[in-house]
Amino acid sequence: MKLGNDLAKRLRRPRRRRDDILRRGARPAGHDHTKMAKVIALLQRPEGATLQAIMRATSWQTHSVRGFISGQLKKKLGLKVRSFQRDGERVYSIKR
């Protein structure tokens, strides 16, 4: 019976492409208030965002921020996130 497979295919949402996300300012319509949108907006700034700034914006702990950047932004969305040290603080930014 193929009903289950057909239903699963119809319910699957297409993944967003990296270029589409960056072109739209990384904010899906109607979702400007999400934590994902906040983090991406912080990372798109020319100076990037410190780990502490992301933690304040999201109320997440350090391991949650690092997991989100690795899992959601890099692996699922395919964004090129750069990480470096500035004045002894970890800083992240999105490569364009």
PDB file of N, CA and C in Angstrom:
ATOM      1  N   MET A   1       0.841  -1.181   0.000  1.00  0.00           N
ATOM      2  CA  MET A   1       0.000   0.000   0.000  1.00  0.00           C
ATOM      3  C   MET A   1       0.881   1.237   0.000  1.00  0.00           C
ATOM      4  N   LYS A   2       0.673   2.132  -0.950  1.00  0.00           N
ATOM      5  CA  LYS A   2       1.531   3.295  -1.125  1.00  0.00           C
ATOM      6  C   LYS A   2       1.009   4.546  -0.437  1.00  0.00           C
ATOM      7  N   LEU A   3      -0.094   4.471   0.194  1.00  0.00           N
ATOM      8  CA  LEU A   3      -0.693   5.660   0.801  1.00  0.00           C
ATOM      9  C   LEU A   3       0.264   6.314   1.791  1.00  0.00           C
ATOM     10  N   GLY A   4       0.915   5.537   2.614  1.00  0.00           N
ATOM     11  CA  GLY A   4       1.838   6.091   3.603  1.00  0.00           C
ATOM     12  C   GLY A   4       3.014   6.804   2.958  1.00  0.00           C
ATOM     13  N   ASN A   5       3.587   6.221   1.908  1.00  0.00           N
ATOM     14  CA  ASN A   5       4.715   6.845   1.228  1.00  0.00           C
ATOM     15  C   ASN A   5       4.316   8.128   0.527  1.00  0.00           C
ATOM     16  N   ASP A   6       3.157   8.123  -0.141  1.00  0.00           N
ATOM     17  CA  ASP A   6       2.693   9.322  -0.836  1.00  0.00           C
ATOM     18  C   ASP A   6       2.416  10.451   0.151  1.00  0.00           C
ATOM     19  N   LEU A   7       1.812  10.122   1.264  1.00  0.00           N
ATOM     20  CA  LEU A   7       1.516  11.130   2.272  1.00  0.00           C
ATOM     21  C   LEU A   7       2.801  11.707   2.845  1.00  0.00           C
ATOM     22  N   ALA A   8       3.774  10.860   3.093  1.00  0.00           N
ATOM     23  CA  ALA A   8       5.050  11.321   3.628  1.00  0.00           C
ATOM     24  C   ALA A   8       5.748  12.255   2.642  1.00  0.00           C
ATOM     25  N   LYS A   9       5.688  11.948   1.359  1.00  0.00           N
ATOM     26  CA  LYS A   9       6.309  12.810   0.349  1.00  0.00           C
ATOM     27  C   LYS A   9       5.634  14.177   0.294  1.00  0.00           C
ATOM     28  N   ARG A  10       4.308  14.187   0.384  1.00  0.00           N
ATOM     29  CA  ARG A  10       3.590  15.460   0.317  1.00  0.00           C
ATOM     30  C   ARG A  10       3.827  16.315   1.546  1.00  0.00           C
ATOM     31  N   LEU A  11       4.039  15.683   2.669  1.00  0.00           N
ATOM     32  CA  LEU A  11       4.235  16.442   3.901  1.00  0.00           C
ATOM     33  C   LEU A  11       5.655  16.974   4.055  1.00  0.00           C
ATOM     34  N   ARG A  12       6.598  16.400   3.327  1.00  0.00           N
ATOM     35  CA  ARG A  12       7.975  16.868   3.404  1.00  0.00           C
ATOM     36  C   ARG A  12       8.076  18.276   2.841  1.00  0.00           C
ATOM     37  N   ARG A  13       8.748  19.125   3.578  1.00  0.00           N
ATOM     38  CA  ARG A  13       8.962  20.480   3.080  1.00  0.00           C
ATOM     39  C   ARG A  13      10.338  20.541   2.427  1.00  0.00           C
ATOM     40  N   PRO A  14      10.451  21.273   1.343  1.00  0.00           N
ATOM     41  CA  PRO A  14      11.771  21.396   0.711  1.00  0.00           C
ATOM     42  C   PRO A  14      12.713  22.195   1.609  1.00  0.00           C
ATOM     43  N   ARG A  15      13.968  21.821   1.598  1.00  0.00           N
ATOM     44  CA  ARG A  15      14.956  22.560   2.388  1.00  0.00           C
ATOM     45  C   ARG A  15      15.245  23.896   1.735  1.00  0.00           C
ATOM     46  N   ARG A  16      15.500  24.867   2.556  1.00  0.00           N
ATOM     47  CA  ARG A  16      15.862  26.175   2.025  1.00  0.00           C
ATOM     48  C   ARG A  16      17.300  26.146   1.550  1.00  0.00           C
ATOM     49  N   ARG A  17      17.528  26.799   0.457  1.00  0.00           N
ATOM     50  CA  ARG A  17      18.886  26.873  -0.056  1.00  0.00           C
ATOM     51  C   ARG A  17      19.603  28.035   0.600  1.00  0.00           C
ATOM     52  N   ARG A  18      20.904  27.885   0.760  1.00  0.00           N
ATOM     53  CA  ARG A  18      21.731  28.894   1.423  1.00  0.00           C
ATOM     54  C   ARG A  18      21.574  30.261   0.762  1.00  0.00           C
ATOM     55  N   ASP A  19      21.583  30.307  -0.567  1.00  0.00           N
ATOM     56  CA  ASP A  19      21.484  31.579  -1.281  1.00  0.00           C
ATOM     57  C   ASP A  19      20.144  32.256  -1.030  1.00  0.00           C
ATOM     58  N   ASP A  20      19.070  31.462  -0.990  1.00  0.00           N
ATOM     59  CA  ASP A  20      17.748  32.025  -0.722  1.00  0.00           C
ATOM     60  C   ASP A  20      17.682  32.641   0.665  1.00  0.00           C
ATOM     61  N   ILE A  21      18.283  31.973   1.626  1.00  0.00           N
ATOM     62  CA  ILE A  21      18.256  32.459   3.000  1.00  0.00           C
ATOM     63  C   ILE A  21      19.039  33.756   3.114  1.00  0.00           C
ATOM     64  N   LEU A  22      20.209  33.812   2.521  1.00  0.00           N
ATOM     65  CA  LEU A  22      21.017  35.020   2.598  1.00  0.00           C
ATOM     66  C   LEU A  22      20.386  36.166   1.813  1.00  0.00           C
ATOM     67  N   ARG A  23      19.783  35.872   0.687  1.00  0.00           N
ATOM     68  CA  ARG A  23      19.162  36.913  -0.137  1.00  0.00           C
ATOM     69  C   ARG A  23      17.987  37.561   0.588  1.00  0.00           C
ATOM     70  N   ARG A  24      17.202  36.774   1.296  1.00  0.00           N
ATOM     71  CA  ARG A  24      16.040  37.300   1.998  1.00  0.00           C
ATOM     72  C   ARG A  24      16.400  37.877   3.360  1.00  0.00           C
ATOM     73  N   GLY A  25      17.664  37.975   3.659  1.00  0.00           N
ATOM     74  CA  GLY A  25      18.059  38.506   4.952  1.00  0.00           C
ATOM     75  C   GLY A  25      17.903  37.478   6.052  1.00  0.00           C
ATOM     76  N   ALA A  26      17.816  36.215   5.702  1.00  0.00           N
ATOM     77  CA  ALA A  26      17.747  35.113   6.656  1.00  0.00           C
ATOM     78  C   ALA A  26      16.510  35.144   7.520  1.00  0.00           C
ATOM     79  N   ARG A  27      15.455  35.776   7.055  1.00  0.00           N
ATOM     80  CA  ARG A  27      14.242  35.825   7.855  1.00  0.00           C
ATOM     81  C   ARG A  27      13.060  35.307   7.047  1.00  0.00           C
ATOM     82  N   PRO A  28      12.591  34.124   7.348  1.00  0.00           N
ATOM     83  CA  PRO A  28      11.402  33.629   6.668  1.00  0.00           C
ATOM     84  C   PRO A  28      10.212  34.535   6.987  1.00  0.00           C
ATOM     85  N   ALA A  29       9.321  34.695   6.041  1.00  0.00           N
ATOM     86  CA  ALA A  29       8.168  35.577   6.233  1.00  0.00           C
ATOM     87  C   ALA A  29       7.377  35.183   7.467  1.00  0.00           C
ATOM     88  N   GLY A  30       7.121  36.147   8.333  1.00  0.00           N
ATOM     89  CA  GLY A  30       6.325  35.899   9.522  1.00  0.00           C
ATOM     90  C   GLY A  30       7.081  35.269  10.666  1.00  0.00           C
ATOM     91  N   HIS A  31       8.365  35.068  10.512  1.00  0.00           N
ATOM     92  CA  HIS A  31       9.144  34.414  11.560  1.00  0.00           C
ATOM     93  C   HIS A  31      10.326  35.270  11.997  1.00  0.00           C
ATOM     94  N   ASP A  32      10.175  36.584  11.986  1.00  0.00           N
ATOM     95  CA  ASP A  32      11.256  37.484  12.372  1.00  0.00           C
ATOM     96  C   ASP A  32      11.616  37.354  13.838  1.00  0.00           C
ATOM     97  N   HIS A  33      10.714  36.851  14.629  1.00  0.00           N
ATOM     98  CA  HIS A  33      10.919  36.783  16.073  1.00  0.00           C
ATOM     99  C   HIS A  33      11.547  35.465  16.530  1.00  0.00           C
ATOM    100  N   THR A  34      11.829  34.554  15.624  1.00  0.00           N
ATOM    101  CA  THR A  34      12.368  33.267  16.034  1.00  0.00           C
ATOM    102  C   THR A  34      13.823  33.412  16.466  1.00  0.00           C
ATOM    103  N   LYS A  35      14.260  32.481  17.270  1.00  0.00           N
ATOM    104  CA  LYS A  35      15.644  32.506  17.725  1.00  0.00           C
ATOM    105  C   LYS A  35      16.592  32.269  16.557  1.00  0.00           C
ATOM    106  N   MET A  36      16.197  31.434  15.606  1.00  0.00           N
ATOM    107  CA  MET A  36      17.023  31.195  14.444  1.00  0.00           C
ATOM    108  C   MET A  36      17.246  32.499  13.678  1.00  0.00           C
ATOM    109  N   ALA A  37      16.187  33.264  13.458  1.00  0.00           N
ATOM    110  CA  ALA A  37      16.301  34.536  12.745  1.00  0.00           C
ATOM    111  C   ALA A  37      17.182  35.520  13.515  1.00  0.00           C
ATOM    112  N   LYS A  38      17.053  35.529  14.837  1.00  0.00           N
ATOM    113  CA  LYS A  38      17.884  36.424  15.646  1.00  0.00           C
ATOM    114  C   LYS A  38      19.354  36.066  15.529  1.00  0.00           C
ATOM    115  N   VAL A  39      19.661  34.775  15.624  1.00  0.00           N
ATOM    116  CA  VAL A  39      21.056  34.335  15.553  1.00  0.00           C
ATOM    117  C   VAL A  39      21.634  34.645  14.179  1.00  0.00           C
ATOM    118  N   ILE A  40      20.911  34.346  13.113  1.00  0.00           N
ATOM    119  CA  ILE A  40      21.413  34.593  11.768  1.00  0.00           C
ATOM    120  C   ILE A  40      21.620  36.085  11.542  1.00  0.00           C
ATOM    121  N   ALA A  41      20.712  36.911  12.043  1.00  0.00           N
ATOM    122  CA  ALA A  41      20.875  38.367  11.918  1.00  0.00           C
ATOM    123  C   ALA A  41      22.138  38.834  12.638  1.00  0.00           C
ATOM    124  N   LEU A  42      22.401  38.281  13.810  1.00  0.00           N
ATOM    125  CA  LEU A  42      23.626  38.630  14.534  1.00  0.00           C
ATOM    126  C   LEU A  42      24.868  38.208  13.751  1.00  0.00           C
ATOM    127  N   LEU A  43      24.835  37.024  13.181  1.00  0.00           N
ATOM    128  CA  LEU A  43      25.994  36.503  12.467  1.00  0.00           C
ATOM    129  C   LEU A  43      26.242  37.223  11.147  1.00  0.00           C
ATOM    130  N   GLN A  44      25.213  37.844  10.586  1.00  0.00           N
ATOM    131  CA  GLN A  44      25.362  38.547   9.314  1.00  0.00           C
ATOM    132  C   GLN A  44      25.968  39.936   9.476  1.00  0.00           C
ATOM    133  N   ARG A  45      26.069  40.427  10.687  1.00  0.00           N
ATOM    134  CA  ARG A  45      26.693  41.733  10.891  1.00  0.00           C
ATOM    135  C   ARG A  45      28.149  41.660  10.447  1.00  0.00           C
ATOM    136  N   PRO A  46      28.700  42.761   9.958  1.00  0.00           N
ATOM    137  CA  PRO A  46      30.088  42.738   9.475  1.00  0.00           C
ATOM    138  C   PRO A  46      31.096  42.269  10.522  1.00  0.00           C
ATOM    139  N   GLU A  47      30.862  42.605  11.777  1.00  0.00           N
ATOM    140  CA  GLU A  47      31.786  42.203  12.840  1.00  0.00           C
ATOM    141  C   GLU A  47      31.465  40.830  13.407  1.00  0.00           C
ATOM    142  N   GLY A  48      30.382  40.221  12.964  1.00  0.00           N
ATOM    143  CA  GLY A  48      29.972  38.922  13.483  1.00  0.00           C
ATOM    144  C   GLY A  48      29.316  39.060  14.851  1.00  0.00           C
ATOM    145  N   ALA A  49      29.303  37.988  15.611  1.00  0.00           N
ATOM    146  CA  ALA A  49      28.688  37.994  16.938  1.00  0.00           C
ATOM    147  C   ALA A  49      29.512  37.118  17.872  1.00  0.00           C
ATOM    148  N   THR A  50      29.693  37.593  19.079  1.00  0.00           N
ATOM    149  CA  THR A  50      30.416  36.790  20.066  1.00  0.00           C
ATOM    150  C   THR A  50      29.497  35.697  20.598  1.00  0.00           C
ATOM    151  N   LEU A  51      30.111  34.695  21.159  1.00  0.00           N
ATOM    152  CA  LEU A  51      29.350  33.612  21.778  1.00  0.00           C
ATOM    153  C   LEU A  51      28.447  34.174  22.872  1.00  0.00           C
ATOM    154  N   GLN A  52      28.967  35.118  23.645  1.00  0.00           N
ATOM    155  CA  GLN A  52      28.194  35.724  24.730  1.00  0.00           C
ATOM    156  C   GLN A  52      26.984  36.498  24.197  1.00  0.00           C
ATOM    157  N   ALA A  53      27.149  37.203  23.081  1.00  0.00           N
ATOM    158  CA  ALA A  53      26.035  37.968  22.498  1.00  0.00           C
ATOM    159  C   ALA A  53      24.921  37.035  22.030  1.00  0.00           C
ATOM    160  N   ILE A  54      25.292  35.916  21.433  1.00  0.00           N
ATOM    161  CA  ILE A  54      24.294  34.941  20.980  1.00  0.00           C
ATOM    162  C   ILE A  54      23.585  34.328  22.185  1.00  0.00           C
ATOM    163  N   MET A  55      24.348  34.044  23.240  1.00  0.00           N
ATOM    164  CA  MET A  55      23.752  33.485  24.459  1.00  0.00           C
ATOM    165  C   MET A  55      22.744  34.462  25.063  1.00  0.00           C
ATOM    166  N   ARG A  56      23.062  35.754  25.089  1.00  0.00           N
ATOM    167  CA  ARG A  56      22.135  36.756  25.636  1.00  0.00           C
ATOM    168  C   ARG A  56      20.869  36.868  24.786  1.00  0.00           C
ATOM    169  N   ALA A  57      21.034  36.831  23.465  1.00  0.00           N
ATOM    170  CA  ALA A  57      19.892  36.996  22.556  1.00  0.00           C
ATOM    171  C   ALA A  57      18.931  35.818  22.605  1.00  0.00           C
ATOM    172  N   THR A  58      19.458  34.617  22.907  1.00  0.00           N
ATOM    173  CA  THR A  58      18.631  33.414  22.841  1.00  0.00           C
ATOM    174  C   THR A  58      18.322  32.785  24.191  1.00  0.00           C
ATOM    175  N   SER A  59      19.030  33.202  25.225  1.00  0.00           N
ATOM    176  CA  SER A  59      18.921  32.584  26.560  1.00  0.00           C
ATOM    177  C   SER A  59      19.382  31.128  26.539  1.00  0.00           C
ATOM    178  N   TRP A  60      20.311  30.802  25.636  1.00  0.00           N
ATOM    179  CA  TRP A  60      20.871  29.459  25.543  1.00  0.00           C
ATOM    180  C   TRP A  60      22.188  29.390  26.289  1.00  0.00           C
ATOM    181  N   GLN A  61      22.607  28.180  26.621  1.00  0.00           N
ATOM    182  CA  GLN A  61      23.921  27.962  27.201  1.00  0.00           C
ATOM    183  C   GLN A  61      24.934  27.756  26.070  1.00  0.00           C
ATOM    184  N   THR A  62      26.220  27.774  26.434  1.00  0.00           N
ATOM    185  CA  THR A  62      27.266  27.711  25.406  1.00  0.00           C
ATOM    186  C   THR A  62      27.157  26.465  24.528  1.00  0.00           C
ATOM    187  N   HIS A  63      26.907  25.315  25.132  1.00  0.00           N
ATOM    188  CA  HIS A  63      26.840  24.082  24.336  1.00  0.00           C
ATOM    189  C   HIS A  63      25.651  24.094  23.381  1.00  0.00           C
ATOM    190  N   SER A  64      24.584  24.773  23.754  1.00  0.00           N
ATOM    191  CA  SER A  64      23.409  24.866  22.878  1.00  0.00           C
ATOM    192  C   SER A  64      23.699  25.756  21.674  1.00  0.00           C
ATOM    193  N   VAL A  65      24.401  26.854  21.901  1.00  0.00           N
ATOM    194  CA  VAL A  65      24.758  27.753  20.798  1.00  0.00           C
ATOM    195  C   VAL A  65      25.676  27.027  19.816  1.00  0.00           C
ATOM    196  N   ARG A  66      26.685  26.355  20.329  1.00  0.00           N
ATOM    197  CA  ARG A  66      27.618  25.647  19.453  1.00  0.00           C
ATOM    198  C   ARG A  66      26.908  24.528  18.688  1.00  0.00           C
ATOM    199  N   GLY A  67      26.011  23.816  19.334  1.00  0.00           N
ATOM    200  CA  GLY A  67      25.249  22.760  18.666  1.00  0.00           C
ATOM    201  C   GLY A  67      24.333  23.310  17.590  1.00  0.00           C
ATOM    202  N   PHE A  68      23.699  24.450  17.863  1.00  0.00           N
ATOM    203  CA  PHE A  68      22.814  25.087  16.880  1.00  0.00           C
ATOM    204  C   PHE A  68      23.611  25.519  15.654  1.00  0.00           C
ATOM    205  N   ILE A  69      24.765  26.128  15.888  1.00  0.00           N
ATOM    206  CA  ILE A  69      25.586  26.584  14.763  1.00  0.00           C
ATOM    207  C   ILE A  69      26.046  25.398  13.929  1.00  0.00           C
ATOM    208  N   SER A  70      26.489  24.355  14.587  1.00  0.00           N
ATOM    209  CA  SER A  70      26.981  23.176  13.871  1.00  0.00           C
ATOM    210  C   SER A  70      25.854  22.412  13.180  1.00  0.00           C
ATOM    211  N   GLY A  71      24.795  22.127  13.904  1.00  0.00           N
ATOM    212  CA  GLY A  71      23.726  21.283  13.373  1.00  0.00           C
ATOM    213  C   GLY A  71      22.777  21.983  12.430  1.00  0.00           C
ATOM    214  N   GLN A  72      22.231  23.090  12.850  1.00  0.00           N
ATOM    215  CA  GLN A  72      21.219  23.775  12.047  1.00  0.00           C
ATOM    216  C   GLN A  72      21.820  24.621  10.937  1.00  0.00           C
ATOM    217  N   LEU A  73      22.757  25.489  11.304  1.00  0.00           N
ATOM    218  CA  LEU A  73      23.273  26.432  10.316  1.00  0.00           C
ATOM    219  C   LEU A  73      24.229  25.784   9.322  1.00  0.00           C
ATOM    220  N   LYS A  74      25.178  25.011   9.824  1.00  0.00           N
ATOM    221  CA  LYS A  74      26.169  24.425   8.923  1.00  0.00           C
ATOM    222  C   LYS A  74      25.627  23.209   8.188  1.00  0.00           C
ATOM    223  N   LYS A  75      25.079  22.256   8.921  1.00  0.00           N
ATOM    224  CA  LYS A  75      24.687  20.987   8.303  1.00  0.00           C
ATOM    225  C   LYS A  75      23.346  21.071   7.582  1.00  0.00           C
ATOM    226  N   LYS A  76      22.315  21.583   8.254  1.00  0.00           N
ATOM    227  CA  LYS A  76      20.985  21.574   7.634  1.00  0.00           C
ATOM    228  C   LYS A  76      20.792  22.684   6.615  1.00  0.00           C
ATOM    229  N   LEU A  77      21.229  23.913   6.945  1.00  0.00           N
ATOM    230  CA  LEU A  77      21.027  25.032   6.024  1.00  0.00           C
ATOM    231  C   LEU A  77      22.190  25.236   5.074  1.00  0.00           C
ATOM    232  N   GLY A  78      23.326  24.630   5.368  1.00  0.00           N
ATOM    233  CA  GLY A  78      24.473  24.736   4.475  1.00  0.00           C
ATOM    234  C   GLY A  78      25.160  26.086   4.492  1.00  0.00           C
ATOM    235  N   LEU A  79      24.992  26.856   5.560  1.00  0.00           N
ATOM    236  CA  LEU A  79      25.645  28.158   5.652  1.00  0.00           C
ATOM    237  C   LEU A  79      27.113  27.987   6.011  1.00  0.00           C
ATOM    238  N   LYS A  80      27.942  28.885   5.537  1.00  0.00           N
ATOM    239  CA  LYS A  80      29.376  28.865   5.832  1.00  0.00           C
ATOM    240  C   LYS A  80      29.616  29.760   7.044  1.00  0.00           C
ATOM    241  N   VAL A  81      29.692  29.158   8.206  1.00  0.00           N
ATOM    242  CA  VAL A  81      29.889  29.906   9.441  1.00  0.00           C
ATOM    243  C   VAL A  81      31.372  29.882   9.787  1.00  0.00           C
ATOM    244  N   ARG A  82      31.923  31.067   9.989  1.00  0.00           N
ATOM    245  CA  ARG A  82      33.342  31.212  10.321  1.00  0.00           C
ATOM    246  C   ARG A  82      33.465  31.432  11.820  1.00  0.00           C
ATOM    247  N   SER A  83      34.462  30.836  12.429  1.00  0.00           N
ATOM    248  CA  SER A  83      34.696  30.965  13.864  1.00  0.00           C
ATOM    249  C   SER A  83      36.138  31.396  14.086  1.00  0.00           C
ATOM    250  N   PHE A  84      36.333  32.404  14.951  1.00  0.00           N
ATOM    251  CA  PHE A  84      37.686  32.860  15.247  1.00  0.00           C
ATOM    252  C   PHE A  84      37.710  33.502  16.629  1.00  0.00           C
ATOM    253  N   GLN A  85      38.916  33.741  17.121  1.00  0.00           N
ATOM    254  CA  GLN A  85      39.106  34.372  18.421  1.00  0.00           C
ATOM    255  C   GLN A  85      39.416  35.855  18.211  1.00  0.00           C
ATOM    256  N   ARG A  86      38.755  36.736  18.985  1.00  0.00           N
ATOM    257  CA  ARG A  86      39.044  38.161  18.962  1.00  0.00           C
ATOM    258  C   ARG A  86      39.090  38.643  20.406  1.00  0.00           C
ATOM    259  N   ASP A  87      40.222  39.142  20.813  1.00  0.00           N
ATOM    260  CA  ASP A  87      40.407  39.630  22.183  1.00  0.00           C
ATOM    261  C   ASP A  87      40.034  38.567  23.217  1.00  0.00           C
ATOM    262  N   GLY A  88      40.377  37.326  22.938  1.00  0.00           N
ATOM    263  CA  GLY A  88      40.129  36.245  23.878  1.00  0.00           C
ATOM    264  C   GLY A  88      38.697  35.734  23.894  1.00  0.00           C
ATOM    265  N   GLU A  89      37.834  36.241  22.999  1.00  0.00           N
ATOM    266  CA  GLU A  89      36.441  35.797  22.923  1.00  0.00           C
ATOM    267  C   GLU A  89      36.197  35.071  21.619  1.00  0.00           C
ATOM    268  N   ARG A  90      35.341  34.064  21.643  1.00  0.00           N
ATOM    269  CA  ARG A  90      34.952  33.325  20.445  1.00  0.00           C
ATOM    270  C   ARG A  90      33.959  34.176  19.664  1.00  0.00           C
ATOM    271  N   VAL A  91      34.228  34.364  18.363  1.00  0.00           N
ATOM    272  CA  VAL A  91      33.365  35.165  17.498  1.00  0.00           C
ATOM    273  C   VAL A  91      32.963  34.316  16.300  1.00  0.00           C
ATOM    274  N   TYR A  92      31.688  34.397  15.930  1.00  0.00           N
ATOM    275  CA  TYR A  92      31.158  33.663  14.784  1.00  0.00           C
ATOM    276  C   TYR A  92      30.623  34.666  13.771  1.00  0.00           C
ATOM    277  N   SER A  93      30.746  34.329  12.487  1.00  0.00           N
ATOM    278  CA  SER A  93      30.159  35.159  11.440  1.00  0.00           C
ATOM    279  C   SER A  93      29.808  34.254  10.262  1.00  0.00           C
ATOM    280  N   ILE A  94      28.903  34.724   9.424  1.00  0.00           N
ATOM    281  CA  ILE A  94      28.499  33.985   8.226  1.00  0.00           C
ATOM    282  C   ILE A  94      29.285  34.528   7.056  1.00  0.00           C
ATOM    283  N   LYS A  95      29.954  33.620   6.349  1.00  0.00           N
ATOM    284  CA  LYS A  95      30.688  34.007   5.145  1.00  0.00           C
ATOM    285  C   LYS A  95      29.694  34.245   4.038  1.00  0.00           C
ATOM    286  N   ARG A  96      29.926  35.254   3.252  1.00  0.00           N
ATOM    287  CA  ARG A  96      29.061  35.524   2.093  1.00  0.00           C
ATOM    288  C   ARG A  96      29.751  35.151   0.837  1.00  0.00           C
TER     289      ARG A  96
END
